């Protein structure tokens, strides 16, 4: 059973529940990753986002990752077909988390802007994913974003129990960004 099996199976507008993407999607097959991200199917998009993280072609996928990230924001646009352990709202949030981690691996200014905007939200889960992606990328382009994040962290409206771990994740991301400079 794959991680995506826990998600609610849902489609966006005219999408279909295509089990072709129900299994893990290898990042080595960029065409399959792109198709999964375009599938408009929760489980396919989740697996596509995970596959994109292991791809060597992150930058080529940025616009598709950003489009997919935007599409999973509006629960009302999705039609559930099979309820999983994670309800639809949580399923879409888990997809967002995988997508933003993949976006942070893209080396373009638009990716830095999108990651920065996510770190300004009040969603600690997305923060952890963005910081994990920044740390994995090690791109110096993210340094100022992480420095600003650390300065603002004490004033952010986030769960108190998340703050120490978020600070630790941000410090690790900053260290990885500084290491690659």
C-alpha atoms as a PDB file:
ATOM      1  CA  UNK A   1       0.000   0.000   0.000  1.00  0.00           C
ATOM      2  CA  UNK A   2       1.474   3.339  -1.082  1.00  0.00           C
ATOM      3  CA  UNK A   3       1.346   6.579   0.881  1.00  0.00           C
ATOM      4  CA  UNK A   4      -1.179   8.025  -1.567  1.00  0.00           C
ATOM      5  CA  UNK A   5      -3.656   5.248  -0.714  1.00  0.00           C
ATOM      6  CA  UNK A   6      -4.428   7.066   2.550  1.00  0.00           C
ATOM      7  CA  UNK A   7      -5.686  10.108   0.638  1.00  0.00           C
ATOM      8  CA  UNK A   8      -9.277  10.695  -0.348  1.00  0.00           C
ATOM      9  CA  UNK A   9      -9.594   9.914  -4.053  1.00  0.00           C
ATOM     10  CA  UNK A  10     -10.957  13.079  -5.639  1.00  0.00           C
ATOM     11  CA  UNK A  11     -10.871  14.810  -8.993  1.00  0.00           C
ATOM     12  CA  UNK A  12     -10.619  18.448  -9.943  1.00  0.00           C
ATOM     13  CA  UNK A  13     -13.396  19.624 -12.258  1.00  0.00           C
ATOM     14  CA  UNK A  14     -13.171  17.296 -15.273  1.00  0.00           C
ATOM     15  CA  UNK A  15     -10.424  14.995 -13.969  1.00  0.00           C
ATOM     16  CA  UNK A  16     -10.846  11.243 -13.690  1.00  0.00           C
ATOM     17  CA  UNK A  17      -9.808   8.703 -11.066  1.00  0.00           C
ATOM     18  CA  UNK A  18      -6.952   7.277 -13.087  1.00  0.00           C
ATOM     19  CA  UNK A  19      -5.246   4.490 -11.168  1.00  0.00           C
ATOM     20  CA  UNK A  20      -2.389   4.680 -13.663  1.00  0.00           C
ATOM     21  CA  UNK A  21      -0.743   6.999 -11.134  1.00  0.00           C
ATOM     22  CA  UNK A  22      -1.816   5.119  -7.990  1.00  0.00           C
ATOM     23  CA  UNK A  23       1.693   3.722  -7.558  1.00  0.00           C
ATOM     24  CA  UNK A  24       4.849   5.665  -6.856  1.00  0.00           C
ATOM     25  CA  UNK A  25       6.036   7.748  -9.796  1.00  0.00           C
ATOM     26  CA  UNK A  26       9.779   7.673 -10.361  1.00  0.00           C
ATOM     27  CA  UNK A  27      11.512  11.010 -10.714  1.00  0.00           C
ATOM     28  CA  UNK A  28      13.695   9.448 -13.381  1.00  0.00           C
ATOM     29  CA  UNK A  29      10.706   9.393 -15.737  1.00  0.00           C
ATOM     30  CA  UNK A  30      10.013  13.117 -16.144  1.00  0.00           C
ATOM     31  CA  UNK A  31       7.176  12.529 -18.609  1.00  0.00           C
ATOM     32  CA  UNK A  32       5.326  10.324 -16.153  1.00  0.00           C
ATOM     33  CA  UNK A  33       5.866  12.846 -13.345  1.00  0.00           C
ATOM     34  CA  UNK A  34       4.414  15.606 -15.538  1.00  0.00           C
ATOM     35  CA  UNK A  35       1.413  13.451 -16.459  1.00  0.00           C
ATOM     36  CA  UNK A  36       0.745  12.633 -12.804  1.00  0.00           C
ATOM     37  CA  UNK A  37       0.923  16.323 -11.845  1.00  0.00           C
ATOM     38  CA  UNK A  38      -1.537  17.161 -14.639  1.00  0.00           C
ATOM     39  CA  UNK A  39      -3.884  14.291 -13.748  1.00  0.00           C
ATOM     40  CA  UNK A  40      -6.337  16.402 -11.689  1.00  0.00           C
ATOM     41  CA  UNK A  41      -6.564  13.347  -9.410  1.00  0.00           C
ATOM     42  CA  UNK A  42      -5.453  13.601  -5.776  1.00  0.00           C
ATOM     43  CA  UNK A  43      -3.500  10.367  -5.623  1.00  0.00           C
ATOM     44  CA  UNK A  44      -1.824  10.990  -8.977  1.00  0.00           C
ATOM     45  CA  UNK A  45      -0.847  14.547  -8.064  1.00  0.00           C
ATOM     46  CA  UNK A  46       0.559  13.393  -4.722  1.00  0.00           C
ATOM     47  CA  UNK A  47       2.672  10.708  -6.393  1.00  0.00           C
ATOM     48  CA  UNK A  48       3.741  13.174  -9.092  1.00  0.00           C
ATOM     49  CA  UNK A  49       4.892  15.669  -6.451  1.00  0.00           C
ATOM     50  CA  UNK A  50       6.895  12.986  -4.650  1.00  0.00           C
ATOM     51  CA  UNK A  51       8.386  11.906  -7.987  1.00  0.00           C
ATOM     52  CA  UNK A  52       9.276  15.506  -8.849  1.00  0.00           C
ATOM     53  CA  UNK A  53      11.371  15.721  -5.682  1.00  0.00           C
ATOM     54  CA  UNK A  54      13.653  12.952  -6.919  1.00  0.00           C
ATOM     55  CA  UNK A  55      13.813  14.266 -10.475  1.00  0.00           C
ATOM     56  CA  UNK A  56      16.951  15.830 -11.866  1.00  0.00           C
ATOM     57  CA  UNK A  57      14.779  18.223 -13.909  1.00  0.00           C
ATOM     58  CA  UNK A  58      13.203  20.387 -11.202  1.00  0.00           C
ATOM     59  CA  UNK A  59      13.586  23.671 -13.041  1.00  0.00           C
ATOM     60  CA  UNK A  60      11.793  22.325 -16.118  1.00  0.00           C
ATOM     61  CA  UNK A  61       8.843  21.363 -13.923  1.00  0.00           C
ATOM     62  CA  UNK A  62       8.466  24.595 -11.965  1.00  0.00           C
ATOM     63  CA  UNK A  63       5.478  26.021 -13.831  1.00  0.00           C
ATOM     64  CA  UNK A  64       3.655  22.693 -13.634  1.00  0.00           C
ATOM     65  CA  UNK A  65       4.425  22.356  -9.908  1.00  0.00           C
ATOM     66  CA  UNK A  66       3.213  25.915  -9.261  1.00  0.00           C
ATOM     67  CA  UNK A  67       0.027  25.299 -11.248  1.00  0.00           C
ATOM     68  CA  UNK A  68      -0.637  22.079  -9.338  1.00  0.00           C
ATOM     69  CA  UNK A  69       0.048  23.865  -6.031  1.00  0.00           C
ATOM     70  CA  UNK A  70      -2.536  26.526  -6.868  1.00  0.00           C
ATOM     71  CA  UNK A  71      -5.123  23.945  -7.954  1.00  0.00           C
ATOM     72  CA  UNK A  72      -5.172  22.148  -4.601  1.00  0.00           C
ATOM     73  CA  UNK A  73      -6.109  25.244  -2.578  1.00  0.00           C
ATOM     74  CA  UNK A  74      -9.851  25.199  -3.138  1.00  0.00           C
ATOM     75  CA  UNK A  75     -11.625  22.206  -1.595  1.00  0.00           C
ATOM     76  CA  UNK A  76     -14.903  23.167  -3.265  1.00  0.00           C
ATOM     77  CA  UNK A  77     -13.414  22.586  -6.722  1.00  0.00           C
ATOM     78  CA  UNK A  78     -12.809  18.897  -5.985  1.00  0.00           C
ATOM     79  CA  UNK A  79     -15.226  15.978  -6.266  1.00  0.00           C
ATOM     80  CA  UNK A  80     -14.546  13.146  -3.782  1.00  0.00           C
ATOM     81  CA  UNK A  81     -14.987   9.614  -5.150  1.00  0.00           C
ATOM     82  CA  UNK A  82     -13.590   7.419  -2.382  1.00  0.00           C
ATOM     83  CA  UNK A  83     -12.881   8.587   1.149  1.00  0.00           C
ATOM     84  CA  UNK A  84      -9.484   7.614   2.493  1.00  0.00           C
ATOM     85  CA  UNK A  85      -8.076   7.861   5.998  1.00  0.00           C
ATOM     86  CA  UNK A  86      -7.270  11.497   5.250  1.00  0.00           C
ATOM     87  CA  UNK A  87     -10.368  13.562   4.474  1.00  0.00           C
ATOM     88  CA  UNK A  88     -10.404  15.754   1.363  1.00  0.00           C
ATOM     89  CA  UNK A  89      -9.127  18.901   3.089  1.00  0.00           C
ATOM     90  CA  UNK A  90      -6.217  17.030   4.683  1.00  0.00           C
ATOM     91  CA  UNK A  91      -5.511  15.162   1.436  1.00  0.00           C
ATOM     92  CA  UNK A  92      -5.173  18.457  -0.439  1.00  0.00           C
ATOM     93  CA  UNK A  93      -2.943  19.860   2.302  1.00  0.00           C
ATOM     94  CA  UNK A  94      -0.670  16.798   2.120  1.00  0.00           C
ATOM     95  CA  UNK A  95      -0.399  17.295  -1.638  1.00  0.00           C
ATOM     96  CA  UNK A  96       0.478  20.971  -1.081  1.00  0.00           C
ATOM     97  CA  UNK A  97       3.213  19.909   1.316  1.00  0.00           C
ATOM     98  CA  UNK A  98       4.795  17.564  -1.228  1.00  0.00           C
ATOM     99  CA  UNK A  99       4.448  20.165  -3.986  1.00  0.00           C
ATOM    100  CA  UNK A 100       6.071  23.014  -2.031  1.00  0.00           C
ATOM    101  CA  UNK A 101       8.957  20.748  -1.084  1.00  0.00           C
ATOM    102  CA  UNK A 102       9.473  20.037  -4.801  1.00  0.00           C
ATOM    103  CA  UNK A 103       9.115  23.747  -5.683  1.00  0.00           C
ATOM    104  CA  UNK A 104      11.916  24.632  -3.243  1.00  0.00           C
ATOM    105  CA  UNK A 105      14.205  22.394  -5.306  1.00  0.00           C
ATOM    106  CA  UNK A 106      13.670  24.569  -8.399  1.00  0.00           C
ATOM    107  CA  UNK A 107      16.388  27.108  -9.016  1.00  0.00           C
ATOM    108  CA  UNK A 108      14.427  30.079 -10.325  1.00  0.00           C
ATOM    109  CA  UNK A 109      13.275  33.371  -8.837  1.00  0.00           C
ATOM    110  CA  UNK A 110       9.601  32.435  -9.121  1.00  0.00           C
ATOM    111  CA  UNK A 111      10.238  29.361  -6.961  1.00  0.00           C
ATOM    112  CA  UNK A 112      11.902  31.506  -4.299  1.00  0.00           C
ATOM    113  CA  UNK A 113       8.905  33.875  -4.373  1.00  0.00           C
ATOM    114  CA  UNK A 114       6.396  31.014  -4.027  1.00  0.00           C
ATOM    115  CA  UNK A 115       8.325  29.422  -1.157  1.00  0.00           C
ATOM    116  CA  UNK A 116       8.575  32.811   0.583  1.00  0.00           C
ATOM    117  CA  UNK A 117       4.808  33.322   0.255  1.00  0.00           C
ATOM    118  CA  UNK A 118       4.154  29.897   1.790  1.00  0.00           C
ATOM    119  CA  UNK A 119       6.380  30.775   4.741  1.00  0.00           C
ATOM    120  CA  UNK A 120       4.172  33.822   5.347  1.00  0.00           C
ATOM    121  CA  UNK A 121       1.061  31.667   5.857  1.00  0.00           C
ATOM    122  CA  UNK A 122      -0.171  30.337   9.196  1.00  0.00           C
ATOM    123  CA  UNK A 123       0.309  26.688   8.235  1.00  0.00           C
ATOM    124  CA  UNK A 124       3.141  25.021  10.124  1.00  0.00           C
ATOM    125  CA  UNK A 125       2.909  21.843   8.020  1.00  0.00           C
ATOM    126  CA  UNK A 126       3.629  23.815   4.860  1.00  0.00           C
ATOM    127  CA  UNK A 127       6.466  25.607   6.662  1.00  0.00           C
ATOM    128  CA  UNK A 128       8.121  22.295   7.539  1.00  0.00           C
ATOM    129  CA  UNK A 129       7.831  21.114   3.928  1.00  0.00           C
ATOM    130  CA  UNK A 130       9.185  24.362   2.494  1.00  0.00           C
ATOM    131  CA  UNK A 131      12.117  24.323   4.917  1.00  0.00           C
ATOM    132  CA  UNK A 132      12.808  20.656   4.151  1.00  0.00           C
ATOM    133  CA  UNK A 133      12.905  21.506   0.435  1.00  0.00           C
ATOM    134  CA  UNK A 134      15.177  24.496   1.032  1.00  0.00           C
ATOM    135  CA  UNK A 135      17.561  22.354   3.083  1.00  0.00           C
ATOM    136  CA  UNK A 136      17.587  19.653   0.403  1.00  0.00           C
ATOM    137  CA  UNK A 137      18.290  22.202  -2.332  1.00  0.00           C
ATOM    138  CA  UNK A 138      20.931  24.109  -0.396  1.00  0.00           C
ATOM    139  CA  UNK A 139      20.460  26.969  -2.864  1.00  0.00           C
ATOM    140  CA  UNK A 140      21.930  30.243  -1.662  1.00  0.00           C
ATOM    141  CA  UNK A 141      18.958  31.986  -3.333  1.00  0.00           C
ATOM    142  CA  UNK A 142      16.844  30.892  -0.355  1.00  0.00           C
ATOM    143  CA  UNK A 143      19.201  32.349   2.270  1.00  0.00           C
ATOM    144  CA  UNK A 144      17.504  35.744   2.679  1.00  0.00           C
ATOM    145  CA  UNK A 145      14.084  34.071   2.848  1.00  0.00           C
ATOM    146  CA  UNK A 146      15.213  31.810   5.689  1.00  0.00           C
ATOM    147  CA  UNK A 147      16.965  34.656   7.522  1.00  0.00           C
ATOM    148  CA  UNK A 148      13.773  36.747   7.366  1.00  0.00           C
ATOM    149  CA  UNK A 149      11.738  33.743   8.457  1.00  0.00           C
ATOM    150  CA  UNK A 150      13.910  33.205  11.534  1.00  0.00           C
ATOM    151  CA  UNK A 151      13.579  36.863  12.527  1.00  0.00           C
ATOM    152  CA  UNK A 152       9.791  36.789  12.145  1.00  0.00           C
ATOM    153  CA  UNK A 153       9.234  33.326  13.628  1.00  0.00           C
ATOM    154  CA  UNK A 154       8.553  34.490  17.221  1.00  0.00           C
ATOM    155  CA  UNK A 155       5.742  36.744  15.964  1.00  0.00           C
ATOM    156  CA  UNK A 156       4.123  34.260  13.584  1.00  0.00           C
ATOM    157  CA  UNK A 157       0.702  32.899  14.461  1.00  0.00           C
ATOM    158  CA  UNK A 158       1.697  29.257  14.594  1.00  0.00           C
ATOM    159  CA  UNK A 159       1.094  26.540  17.194  1.00  0.00           C
ATOM    160  CA  UNK A 160       3.467  27.074  20.125  1.00  0.00           C
ATOM    161  CA  UNK A 161       4.464  23.412  20.106  1.00  0.00           C
ATOM    162  CA  UNK A 162       5.723  23.770  16.502  1.00  0.00           C
ATOM    163  CA  UNK A 163       7.965  26.789  17.078  1.00  0.00           C
ATOM    164  CA  UNK A 164      11.072  25.003  18.457  1.00  0.00           C
ATOM    165  CA  UNK A 165      11.032  22.420  15.652  1.00  0.00           C
ATOM    166  CA  UNK A 166      10.401  25.089  13.024  1.00  0.00           C
ATOM    167  CA  UNK A 167      13.338  27.103  14.355  1.00  0.00           C
ATOM    168  CA  UNK A 168      15.532  24.013  14.231  1.00  0.00           C
ATOM    169  CA  UNK A 169      14.385  23.242  10.662  1.00  0.00           C
ATOM    170  CA  UNK A 170      15.028  26.833   9.606  1.00  0.00           C
ATOM    171  CA  UNK A 171      18.497  26.809  11.179  1.00  0.00           C
ATOM    172  CA  UNK A 172      19.307  23.597   9.294  1.00  0.00           C
ATOM    173  CA  UNK A 173      17.998  25.087   6.034  1.00  0.00           C
ATOM    174  CA  UNK A 174      20.085  28.215   6.595  1.00  0.00           C
ATOM    175  CA  UNK A 175      23.183  26.143   7.321  1.00  0.00           C
ATOM    176  CA  UNK A 176      22.622  24.166   4.123  1.00  0.00           C
ATOM    177  CA  UNK A 177      22.141  27.386   2.122  1.00  0.00           C
ATOM    178  CA  UNK A 178      25.321  28.876   3.610  1.00  0.00           C
ATOM    179  CA  UNK A 179      27.232  25.665   2.940  1.00  0.00           C
ATOM    180  CA  UNK A 180      26.463  25.803  -0.776  1.00  0.00           C
ATOM    181  CA  UNK A 181      27.462  29.462  -1.145  1.00  0.00           C
END
